Amino acid sequence: MEQAEARKTLVTRAPYGRRPEGQTAELREMGKVRMQARSLSVHYGTAVGVRDVTLPIYNQQITALIGPSGCGKTTFLRALNRMHDQTRGARVTGQALLDGEDIYAPKIDPVIIRRRVGMVFQKPTPFPTMSIYDNVVAGLKLVGIRNTALLDEVVERALHQAALWDEVKDRLRNPGGSLSGGQQQRLSIARALAVEPEVLLMDEPTSSLDPQSTMRIEELMAELKTQVTIVIVTHNMQQASRISDHTAFFYVGDLVEFNPTRKMFTNPDEDRTEDYITGRFG
């Protein structure tokens, strides 16, 4: 009974409310849209980070956000789980829908949103002195889950999902900072997966990794997309073309083009997209 109650606590959505399962099924049937931006803009004081972006994010697919540095990719990504709430002077207008509900509506609890829409950052972010085990379950303990059997189950599941279990199963009490850079990034992914997000946002997750670790993360993303919807910011055109199903090209705060990745990289609609992909600027 205790374990069942703990699991119930983990998936509780209040005060955000129930998972709108009927609505979710309808949305998936109507094009498999899991999230959607509608006329979404992000302002920093009088400056505009992204303006009037309308963009679907398809369920169990990888959407890549590409464009030159400072073009609004990360700004848009952070708007998808209300990270800008923590930025002084930032203001978001328009809508970001998750299963058809606006995550910026007044009733929405941003803490719950960040559980449903997880985030992995550019640099690995393990707690270096905390054990591998405690790194994975940090989010669960934060919401009061202490059931050892449940935590053990979550650690093994999340580390398996992050393709890290076999490498660390005999040293779970070692510090997270003792792992290699690539392992630390997979540990960060495991921590995000431990709370069972529906969407996973990844901000240049391989930019600080060596080629072999990059390949492991890319393989991991390909496996994870059967379980969770992924949005990734990347400057690596080859990476975007390899791993993503859809690609969005941002330039100076505007969404220039959004298309299936194959079309984007072979026959883009916009000249600016072709110029960027072929290296004429950026």
C-alpha atoms as a PDB file:
ATOM      1  CA  MET A   1       0.000   0.000   0.000  1.00  0.00           C
ATOM      2  CA  GLU A   2       2.800   2.415   0.913  1.00  0.00           C
ATOM      3  CA  GLN A   3       4.523   1.839  -2.418  1.00  0.00           C
ATOM      4  CA  ALA A   4       1.280   2.382  -4.317  1.00  0.00           C
ATOM      5  CA  GLU A   5       0.705   5.642  -2.456  1.00  0.00           C
ATOM      6  CA  ALA A   6       4.242   6.777  -3.211  1.00  0.00           C
ATOM      7  CA  ARG A   7       3.774   6.060  -6.902  1.00  0.00           C
ATOM      8  CA  LYS A   8       0.485   7.961  -6.813  1.00  0.00           C
ATOM      9  CA  THR A   9       2.336  10.936  -5.322  1.00  0.00           C
ATOM     10  CA  LEU A  10       4.897  10.755  -8.126  1.00  0.00           C
ATOM     11  CA  VAL A  11       2.355  11.093 -10.907  1.00  0.00           C
ATOM     12  CA  THR A  12       0.008  13.536  -9.200  1.00  0.00           C
ATOM     13  CA  ARG A  13      -0.796  16.461 -11.495  1.00  0.00           C
ATOM     14  CA  ALA A  14      -2.802  18.671  -9.115  1.00  0.00           C
ATOM     15  CA  PRO A  15      -3.123  21.612  -9.030  1.00  0.00           C
ATOM     16  CA  TYR A  16      -2.455  21.383 -12.772  1.00  0.00           C
ATOM     17  CA  GLY A  17      -5.215  18.798 -12.880  1.00  0.00           C
ATOM     18  CA  ARG A  18      -5.712  15.423 -14.462  1.00  0.00           C
ATOM     19  CA  ARG A  19      -3.870  14.170 -17.496  1.00  0.00           C
ATOM     20  CA  PRO A  20      -6.475  14.891 -20.190  1.00  0.00           C
ATOM     21  CA  GLU A  21      -6.264  11.340 -21.578  1.00  0.00           C
ATOM     22  CA  GLY A  22      -9.286  11.638 -23.851  1.00  0.00           C
ATOM     23  CA  GLN A  23      -8.034  14.922 -25.208  1.00  0.00           C
ATOM     24  CA  THR A  24      -4.533  13.500 -25.588  1.00  0.00           C
ATOM     25  CA  ALA A  25      -5.850  10.599 -27.651  1.00  0.00           C
ATOM     26  CA  GLU A  26      -7.794  13.029 -29.819  1.00  0.00           C
ATOM     27  CA  LEU A  27      -4.743  15.233 -30.349  1.00  0.00           C
ATOM     28  CA  ARG A  28      -2.583  12.273 -31.254  1.00  0.00           C
ATOM     29  CA  GLU A  29      -5.155  11.099 -33.738  1.00  0.00           C
ATOM     30  CA  MET A  30      -5.328  14.575 -35.265  1.00  0.00           C
ATOM     31  CA  GLY A  31      -1.665  14.701 -36.327  1.00  0.00           C
ATOM     32  CA  LYS A  32       0.009  13.410 -33.159  1.00  0.00           C
ATOM     33  CA  VAL A  33       0.655  16.866 -31.694  1.00  0.00           C
ATOM     34  CA  ARG A  34       1.886  16.640 -28.100  1.00  0.00           C
ATOM     35  CA  MET A  35       2.850  20.273 -27.569  1.00  0.00           C
ATOM     36  CA  GLN A  36       2.163  23.365 -29.604  1.00  0.00           C
ATOM     37  CA  ALA A  37       3.323  26.973 -29.563  1.00  0.00           C
ATOM     38  CA  ARG A  38       0.784  29.505 -30.739  1.00  0.00           C
ATOM     39  CA  SER A  39       1.950  33.063 -31.434  1.00  0.00           C
ATOM     40  CA  LEU A  40       4.537  32.580 -28.689  1.00  0.00           C
ATOM     41  CA  SER A  41       6.868  35.487 -27.956  1.00  0.00           C
ATOM     42  CA  VAL A  42       9.466  35.964 -25.237  1.00  0.00           C
ATOM     43  CA  HIS A  43      10.474  39.455 -24.138  1.00  0.00           C
ATOM     44  CA  TYR A  44      13.427  40.531 -21.986  1.00  0.00           C
ATOM     45  CA  GLY A  45      12.405  44.001 -20.914  1.00  0.00           C
ATOM     46  CA  THR A  46      12.083  45.885 -24.215  1.00  0.00           C
ATOM     47  CA  ALA A  47      14.108  43.295 -26.177  1.00  0.00           C
ATOM     48  CA  VAL A  48      12.443  40.387 -27.968  1.00  0.00           C
ATOM     49  CA  GLY A  49      14.042  36.932 -27.744  1.00  0.00           C
ATOM     50  CA  VAL A  50      11.587  35.153 -30.040  1.00  0.00           C
ATOM     51  CA  ARG A  51       8.534  36.615 -31.707  1.00  0.00           C
ATOM     52  CA  ASP A  52       5.199  35.171 -32.731  1.00  0.00           C
ATOM     53  CA  VAL A  53       6.265  31.526 -33.057  1.00  0.00           C
ATOM     54  CA  THR A  54       3.623  28.981 -34.026  1.00  0.00           C
ATOM     55  CA  LEU A  55       5.010  25.452 -34.081  1.00  0.00           C
ATOM     56  CA  PRO A  56       3.712  21.897 -33.465  1.00  0.00           C
ATOM     57  CA  ILE A  57       5.756  19.328 -31.544  1.00  0.00           C
ATOM     58  CA  TYR A  58       4.799  15.803 -32.506  1.00  0.00           C
ATOM     59  CA  ASN A  59       4.345  12.975 -30.041  1.00  0.00           C
ATOM     60  CA  GLN A  60       7.179  10.423 -29.761  1.00  0.00           C
ATOM     61  CA  GLN A  61       9.290  12.219 -32.328  1.00  0.00           C
ATOM     62  CA  ILE A  62      12.449  14.317 -32.148  1.00  0.00           C
ATOM     63  CA  THR A  63      12.167  17.964 -33.135  1.00  0.00           C
ATOM     64  CA  ALA A  64      15.467  19.773 -33.742  1.00  0.00           C
ATOM     65  CA  LEU A  65      15.815  23.538 -33.336  1.00  0.00           C
ATOM     66  CA  ILE A  66      18.640  24.951 -35.473  1.00  0.00           C
ATOM     67  CA  GLY A  67      19.983  28.414 -36.260  1.00  0.00           C
ATOM     68  CA  PRO A  68      22.948  30.722 -35.553  1.00  0.00           C
ATOM     69  CA  SER A  69      23.963  31.606 -32.002  1.00  0.00           C
ATOM     70  CA  GLY A  70      21.610  34.111 -30.426  1.00  0.00           C
ATOM     71  CA  CYS A  71      18.755  33.404 -32.830  1.00  0.00           C
ATOM     72  CA  GLY A  72      16.229  32.363 -30.159  1.00  0.00           C
ATOM     73  CA  LYS A  73      16.492  28.552 -30.090  1.00  0.00           C
ATOM     74  CA  THR A  74      17.231  28.194 -26.380  1.00  0.00           C
ATOM     75  CA  THR A  75      14.879  31.056 -25.547  1.00  0.00           C
ATOM     76  CA  PHE A  76      12.071  29.177 -27.280  1.00  0.00           C
ATOM     77  CA  LEU A  77      13.053  25.867 -25.675  1.00  0.00           C
ATOM     78  CA  ARG A  78      12.984  27.335 -22.165  1.00  0.00           C
ATOM     79  CA  ALA A  79       9.529  28.748 -22.815  1.00  0.00           C
ATOM     80  CA  LEU A  80       8.204  25.202 -23.224  1.00  0.00           C
ATOM     81  CA  ASN A  81       8.517  24.402 -19.522  1.00  0.00           C
ATOM     82  CA  ARG A  82       8.269  27.885 -18.021  1.00  0.00           C
ATOM     83  CA  MET A  83      11.962  28.254 -17.248  1.00  0.00           C
ATOM     84  CA  HIS A  84      11.640  31.970 -17.995  1.00  0.00           C
ATOM     85  CA  ASP A  85       9.571  32.314 -14.828  1.00  0.00           C
ATOM     86  CA  GLN A  86      12.948  32.303 -13.065  1.00  0.00           C
ATOM     87  CA  THR A  87      14.476  35.036 -15.260  1.00  0.00           C
ATOM     88  CA  ARG A  88      14.065  38.577 -13.985  1.00  0.00           C
ATOM     89  CA  GLY A  89      12.444  40.840 -16.551  1.00  0.00           C
ATOM     90  CA  ALA A  90      11.385  37.986 -18.849  1.00  0.00           C
ATOM     91  CA  ARG A  91       7.809  37.930 -20.130  1.00  0.00           C
ATOM     92  CA  VAL A  92       6.082  35.316 -22.280  1.00  0.00           C
ATOM     93  CA  THR A  93       3.038  36.060 -24.440  1.00  0.00           C
ATOM     94  CA  GLY A  94       0.973  33.770 -26.623  1.00  0.00           C
ATOM     95  CA  GLN A  95       0.382  30.130 -25.742  1.00  0.00           C
ATOM     96  CA  ALA A  96       2.362  26.944 -25.166  1.00  0.00           C
ATOM     97  CA  LEU A  97      -0.028  24.014 -25.160  1.00  0.00           C
ATOM     98  CA  LEU A  98       0.624  20.627 -23.559  1.00  0.00           C
ATOM     99  CA  ASP A  99      -2.046  18.100 -24.481  1.00  0.00           C
ATOM    100  CA  GLY A 100      -4.227  21.020 -25.553  1.00  0.00           C
ATOM    101  CA  GLU A 101      -3.929  23.013 -22.297  1.00  0.00           C
ATOM    102  CA  ASP A 102      -1.999  26.279 -22.034  1.00  0.00           C
ATOM    103  CA  ILE A 103       0.875  25.858 -19.562  1.00  0.00           C
ATOM    104  CA  TYR A 104       0.818  29.641 -18.964  1.00  0.00           C
ATOM    105  CA  ALA A 105      -2.813  29.723 -17.873  1.00  0.00           C
ATOM    106  CA  PRO A 106      -3.286  31.231 -14.366  1.00  0.00           C
ATOM    107  CA  LYS A 107      -4.268  27.926 -12.726  1.00  0.00           C
ATOM    108  CA  ILE A 108      -1.146  26.091 -13.850  1.00  0.00           C
ATOM    109  CA  ASP A 109       1.564  25.175 -11.340  1.00  0.00           C
ATOM    110  CA  PRO A 110       4.968  25.599 -13.068  1.00  0.00           C
ATOM    111  CA  VAL A 111       6.551  22.991 -10.765  1.00  0.00           C
ATOM    112  CA  ILE A 112       4.159  20.370 -12.123  1.00  0.00           C
ATOM    113  CA  ILE A 113       4.882  21.537 -15.680  1.00  0.00           C
ATOM    114  CA  ARG A 114       8.604  21.008 -15.139  1.00  0.00           C
ATOM    115  CA  ARG A 115       7.892  17.472 -13.985  1.00  0.00           C
ATOM    116  CA  ARG A 116       5.890  16.765 -17.129  1.00  0.00           C
ATOM    117  CA  VAL A 117       8.335  18.623 -19.392  1.00  0.00           C
ATOM    118  CA  GLY A 118      11.862  17.783 -18.284  1.00  0.00           C
ATOM    119  CA  MET A 119      15.069  19.565 -19.249  1.00  0.00           C
ATOM    120  CA  VAL A 120      18.650  18.506 -19.963  1.00  0.00           C
ATOM    121  CA  PHE A 121      21.181  21.310 -20.244  1.00  0.00           C
ATOM    122  CA  GLN A 122      24.215  21.969 -22.432  1.00  0.00           C
ATOM    123  CA  LYS A 123      26.733  20.962 -19.782  1.00  0.00           C
ATOM    124  CA  PRO A 124      26.218  17.879 -17.600  1.00  0.00           C
ATOM    125  CA  THR A 125      24.580  18.961 -14.351  1.00  0.00           C
ATOM    126  CA  PRO A 126      25.019  16.162 -11.796  1.00  0.00           C
ATOM    127  CA  PHE A 127      25.363  17.130  -8.156  1.00  0.00           C
ATOM    128  CA  PRO A 128      29.084  16.268  -7.998  1.00  0.00           C
ATOM    129  CA  THR A 129      29.337  15.250  -4.326  1.00  0.00           C
ATOM    130  CA  MET A 130      25.965  13.487  -4.249  1.00  0.00           C
ATOM    131  CA  SER A 131      25.922   9.775  -5.022  1.00  0.00           C
ATOM    132  CA  ILE A 132      24.870   8.450  -8.418  1.00  0.00           C
ATOM    133  CA  TYR A 133      21.814   6.948  -6.717  1.00  0.00           C
ATOM    134  CA  ASP A 134      20.813  10.193  -5.010  1.00  0.00           C
ATOM    135  CA  ASN A 135      21.378  12.166  -8.219  1.00  0.00           C
ATOM    136  CA  VAL A 136      18.756  10.062  -9.979  1.00  0.00           C
ATOM    137  CA  VAL A 137      16.123  10.337  -7.236  1.00  0.00           C
ATOM    138  CA  ALA A 138      16.750  13.964  -6.277  1.00  0.00           C
ATOM    139  CA  GLY A 139      13.502  15.134  -7.898  1.00  0.00           C
ATOM    140  CA  LEU A 140      11.453  12.418  -6.220  1.00  0.00           C
ATOM    141  CA  LYS A 141      12.874  13.157  -2.779  1.00  0.00           C
ATOM    142  CA  LEU A 142      12.137  16.834  -3.355  1.00  0.00           C
ATOM    143  CA  VAL A 143       8.417  16.006  -3.493  1.00  0.00           C
ATOM    144  CA  GLY A 144       8.613  13.856  -0.382  1.00  0.00           C
ATOM    145  CA  ILE A 145       9.011  10.323  -1.739  1.00  0.00           C
ATOM    146  CA  ARG A 146      11.087   8.238   0.686  1.00  0.00           C
ATOM    147  CA  ASN A 147       9.926   4.665  -0.023  1.00  0.00           C
ATOM    148  CA  THR A 148      13.182   2.739  -0.498  1.00  0.00           C
ATOM    149  CA  ALA A 149      11.705  -0.008  -2.680  1.00  0.00           C
ATOM    150  CA  LEU A 150      10.149   2.526  -5.028  1.00  0.00           C
ATOM    151  CA  LEU A 151      13.316   4.627  -5.189  1.00  0.00           C
ATOM    152  CA  ASP A 152      15.405   1.519  -5.952  1.00  0.00           C
ATOM    153  CA  GLU A 153      12.996   0.634  -8.760  1.00  0.00           C
ATOM    154  CA  VAL A 154      13.120   4.146 -10.214  1.00  0.00           C
ATOM    155  CA  VAL A 155      16.931   4.289 -10.096  1.00  0.00           C
ATOM    156  CA  GLU A 156      17.292   1.035 -12.005  1.00  0.00           C
ATOM    157  CA  ARG A 157      14.614   1.978 -14.553  1.00  0.00           C
ATOM    158  CA  ALA A 158      15.963   5.485 -15.192  1.00  0.00           C
ATOM    159  CA  LEU A 159      19.576   4.320 -15.482  1.00  0.00           C
ATOM    160  CA  HIS A 160      18.516   1.581 -17.896  1.00  0.00           C
ATOM    161  CA  GLN A 161      16.632   4.196 -19.947  1.00  0.00           C
ATOM    162  CA  ALA A 162      19.747   6.390 -19.963  1.00  0.00           C
ATOM    163  CA  ALA A 163      21.929   3.420 -21.055  1.00  0.00           C
ATOM    164  CA  LEU A 164      24.023   3.823 -17.915  1.00  0.00           C
ATOM    165  CA  TRP A 165      22.917   0.982 -15.614  1.00  0.00           C
ATOM    166  CA  ASP A 166      25.490  -1.600 -16.696  1.00  0.00           C
ATOM    167  CA  GLU A 167      28.308   0.909 -16.222  1.00  0.00           C
ATOM    168  CA  VAL A 168      27.360   2.081 -12.717  1.00  0.00           C
ATOM    169  CA  LYS A 169      25.203  -0.628 -11.093  1.00  0.00           C
ATOM    170  CA  ASP A 170      28.085  -1.717  -8.823  1.00  0.00           C
ATOM    171  CA  ARG A 171      28.984   1.805  -7.699  1.00  0.00           C
ATOM    172  CA  LEU A 172      25.699   3.578  -7.137  1.00  0.00           C
ATOM    173  CA  ARG A 173      27.035   5.128  -3.914  1.00  0.00           C
ATOM    174  CA  ASN A 174      29.985   6.759  -5.681  1.00  0.00           C
ATOM    175  CA  PRO A 175      29.784  10.530  -6.288  1.00  0.00           C
ATOM    176  CA  GLY A 176      28.150  11.648  -9.519  1.00  0.00           C
ATOM    177  CA  GLY A 177      31.214  13.794 -10.152  1.00  0.00           C
ATOM    178  CA  SER A 178      33.390  10.665 -10.416  1.00  0.00           C
ATOM    179  CA  LEU A 179      31.864   9.768 -13.793  1.00  0.00           C
ATOM    180  CA  SER A 180      33.236  10.777 -17.191  1.00  0.00           C
ATOM    181  CA  GLY A 181      31.690  13.715 -19.043  1.00  0.00           C
ATOM    182  CA  GLY A 182      29.534  11.513 -21.250  1.00  0.00           C
ATOM    183  CA  GLN A 183      28.419   9.431 -18.280  1.00  0.00           C
ATOM    184  CA  GLN A 184      27.582  12.582 -16.332  1.00  0.00           C
ATOM    185  CA  GLN A 185      25.352  13.756 -19.178  1.00  0.00           C
ATOM    186  CA  ARG A 186      23.578  10.392 -19.239  1.00  0.00           C
ATOM    187  CA  LEU A 187      23.194  10.657 -15.457  1.00  0.00           C
ATOM    188  CA  SER A 188      21.578  14.074 -15.981  1.00  0.00           C
ATOM    189  CA  ILE A 189      19.218  12.449 -18.494  1.00  0.00           C
ATOM    190  CA  ALA A 190      18.434   9.651 -16.007  1.00  0.00           C
ATOM    191  CA  ARG A 191      17.566  12.254 -13.363  1.00  0.00           C
ATOM    192  CA  ALA A 192      15.198  13.951 -15.796  1.00  0.00           C
ATOM    193  CA  LEU A 193      13.603  10.615 -16.732  1.00  0.00           C
ATOM    194  CA  ALA A 194      13.140   9.523 -13.104  1.00  0.00           C
ATOM    195  CA  VAL A 195      10.022  11.675 -12.709  1.00  0.00           C
ATOM    196  CA  GLU A 196       8.528  10.184 -15.889  1.00  0.00           C
ATOM    197  CA  PRO A 197       8.235  13.309 -18.073  1.00  0.00           C
ATOM    198  CA  GLU A 198       6.071  13.304 -21.174  1.00  0.00           C
ATOM    199  CA  VAL A 199       8.362  15.702 -23.045  1.00  0.00           C
ATOM    200  CA  LEU A 200      12.146  16.040 -22.735  1.00  0.00           C
ATOM    201  CA  LEU A 201      13.853  19.292 -23.725  1.00  0.00           C
ATOM    202  CA  MET A 202      17.567  19.046 -24.526  1.00  0.00           C
ATOM    203  CA  ASP A 203      19.718  22.169 -24.932  1.00  0.00           C
ATOM    204  CA  GLU A 204      22.811  21.200 -26.954  1.00  0.00           C
ATOM    205  CA  PRO A 205      23.305  18.069 -24.819  1.00  0.00           C
ATOM    206  CA  THR A 206      26.390  16.860 -26.716  1.00  0.00           C
ATOM    207  CA  SER A 207      28.222  20.132 -27.393  1.00  0.00           C
ATOM    208  CA  SER A 208      30.806  19.522 -24.632  1.00  0.00           C
ATOM    209  CA  LEU A 209      31.252  15.795 -25.321  1.00  0.00           C
ATOM    210  CA  ASP A 210      33.744  13.785 -27.353  1.00  0.00           C
ATOM    211  CA  PRO A 211      32.566  12.042 -30.568  1.00  0.00           C
ATOM    212  CA  GLN A 212      32.092   8.646 -28.901  1.00  0.00           C
ATOM    213  CA  SER A 213      29.985  10.094 -26.072  1.00  0.00           C
ATOM    214  CA  THR A 214      28.034  12.131 -28.623  1.00  0.00           C
ATOM    215  CA  MET A 215      27.225   8.943 -30.527  1.00  0.00           C
ATOM    216  CA  ARG A 216      26.004   7.274 -27.304  1.00  0.00           C
ATOM    217  CA  ILE A 217      23.709  10.190 -26.524  1.00  0.00           C
ATOM    218  CA  GLU A 218      22.331  10.202 -30.079  1.00  0.00           C
ATOM    219  CA  GLU A 219      21.655   6.469 -29.907  1.00  0.00           C
ATOM    220  CA  LEU A 220      19.984   7.023 -26.551  1.00  0.00           C
ATOM    221  CA  MET A 221      17.700   9.721 -27.971  1.00  0.00           C
ATOM    222  CA  ALA A 222      16.658   7.411 -30.804  1.00  0.00           C
ATOM    223  CA  GLU A 223      15.649   4.795 -28.214  1.00  0.00           C
ATOM    224  CA  LEU A 224      13.963   7.266 -25.862  1.00  0.00           C
ATOM    225  CA  LYS A 225      11.665   8.786 -28.487  1.00  0.00           C
ATOM    226  CA  THR A 226       9.501   5.659 -28.319  1.00  0.00           C
ATOM    227  CA  GLN A 227       8.723   6.648 -24.721  1.00  0.00           C
ATOM    228  CA  VAL A 228       9.002  10.432 -24.574  1.00  0.00           C
ATOM    229  CA  THR A 229       8.699  13.344 -26.992  1.00  0.00           C
ATOM    230  CA  ILE A 230      12.055  15.114 -27.489  1.00  0.00           C
ATOM    231  CA  VAL A 231      12.936  18.670 -28.498  1.00  0.00           C
ATOM    232  CA  ILE A 232      16.653  19.353 -29.000  1.00  0.00           C
ATOM    233  CA  VAL A 233      18.622  22.526 -29.665  1.00  0.00           C
ATOM    234  CA  THR A 234      21.732  21.794 -31.737  1.00  0.00           C
ATOM    235  CA  HIS A 235      24.305  23.730 -33.739  1.00  0.00           C
ATOM    236  CA  ASN A 236      25.414  20.517 -35.413  1.00  0.00           C
ATOM    237  CA  MET A 237      23.685  20.215 -38.782  1.00  0.00           C
ATOM    238  CA  GLN A 238      24.798  16.612 -39.196  1.00  0.00           C
ATOM    239  CA  GLN A 239      23.335  15.763 -35.813  1.00  0.00           C
ATOM    240  CA  ALA A 240      20.020  17.385 -36.649  1.00  0.00           C
ATOM    241  CA  SER A 241      19.817  15.513 -39.936  1.00  0.00           C
ATOM    242  CA  ARG A 242      20.755  12.191 -38.281  1.00  0.00           C
ATOM    243  CA  ILE A 243      18.457  12.121 -35.293  1.00  0.00           C
ATOM    244  CA  SER A 244      15.443  14.385 -35.823  1.00  0.00           C
ATOM    245  CA  ASP A 245      12.082  13.808 -37.466  1.00  0.00           C
ATOM    246  CA  HIS A 246      11.218  17.503 -37.824  1.00  0.00           C
ATOM    247  CA  THR A 247      13.443  20.585 -37.861  1.00  0.00           C
ATOM    248  CA  ALA A 248      12.716  24.222 -37.081  1.00  0.00           C
ATOM    249  CA  PHE A 249      15.081  26.939 -38.337  1.00  0.00           C
ATOM    250  CA  PHE A 250      15.244  30.117 -36.245  1.00  0.00           C
ATOM    251  CA  TYR A 251      16.899  33.357 -37.301  1.00  0.00           C
ATOM    252  CA  VAL A 252      17.065  36.637 -35.328  1.00  0.00           C
ATOM    253  CA  GLY A 253      14.147  35.608 -33.128  1.00  0.00           C
ATOM    254  CA  ASP A 254      11.884  34.463 -35.965  1.00  0.00           C
ATOM    255  CA  LEU A 255      10.835  30.973 -36.957  1.00  0.00           C
ATOM    256  CA  VAL A 256      11.862  30.955 -40.617  1.00  0.00           C
ATOM    257  CA  GLU A 257      10.859  27.413 -41.524  1.00  0.00           C
ATOM    258  CA  PHE A 258       9.502  24.218 -39.986  1.00  0.00           C
ATOM    259  CA  ASN A 259       9.406  20.988 -41.981  1.00  0.00           C
ATOM    260  CA  PRO A 260      10.163  17.267 -41.849  1.00  0.00           C
ATOM    261  CA  THR A 261      13.922  16.974 -41.496  1.00  0.00           C
ATOM    262  CA  ARG A 262      14.426  15.136 -44.774  1.00  0.00           C
ATOM    263  CA  LYS A 263      12.709  17.926 -46.696  1.00  0.00           C
ATOM    264  CA  MET A 264      14.467  20.644 -44.715  1.00  0.00           C
ATOM    265  CA  PHE A 265      17.889  19.275 -45.599  1.00  0.00           C
ATOM    266  CA  THR A 266      17.185  18.365 -49.218  1.00  0.00           C
ATOM    267  CA  ASN A 267      14.597  20.848 -50.467  1.00  0.00           C
ATOM    268  CA  PRO A 268      13.934  23.681 -47.993  1.00  0.00           C
ATOM    269  CA  ASP A 269      11.160  26.158 -48.719  1.00  0.00           C
ATOM    270  CA  GLU A 270      13.156  29.254 -47.731  1.00  0.00           C
ATOM    271  CA  ASP A 271      16.376  30.569 -49.273  1.00  0.00           C
ATOM    272  CA  ARG A 272      17.634  31.590 -45.830  1.00  0.00           C
ATOM    273  CA  THR A 273      17.253  28.005 -44.632  1.00  0.00           C
ATOM    274  CA  GLU A 274      19.275  26.671 -47.540  1.00  0.00           C
ATOM    275  CA  ASP A 275      21.933  29.342 -47.043  1.00  0.00           C
ATOM    276  CA  TYR A 276      22.305  28.421 -43.366  1.00  0.00           C
ATOM    277  CA  ILE A 277      22.315  24.653 -43.874  1.00  0.00           C
ATOM    278  CA  THR A 278      24.903  24.892 -46.662  1.00  0.00           C
ATOM    279  CA  GLY A 279      27.156  27.114 -44.559  1.00  0.00           C
ATOM    280  CA  ARG A 280      26.789  30.407 -46.435  1.00  0.00           C
ATOM    281  CA  PHE A 281      26.251  32.152 -43.123  1.00  0.00           C
ATOM    282  CA  GLY A 282      26.019  31.345 -39.425  1.00  0.00           C
END
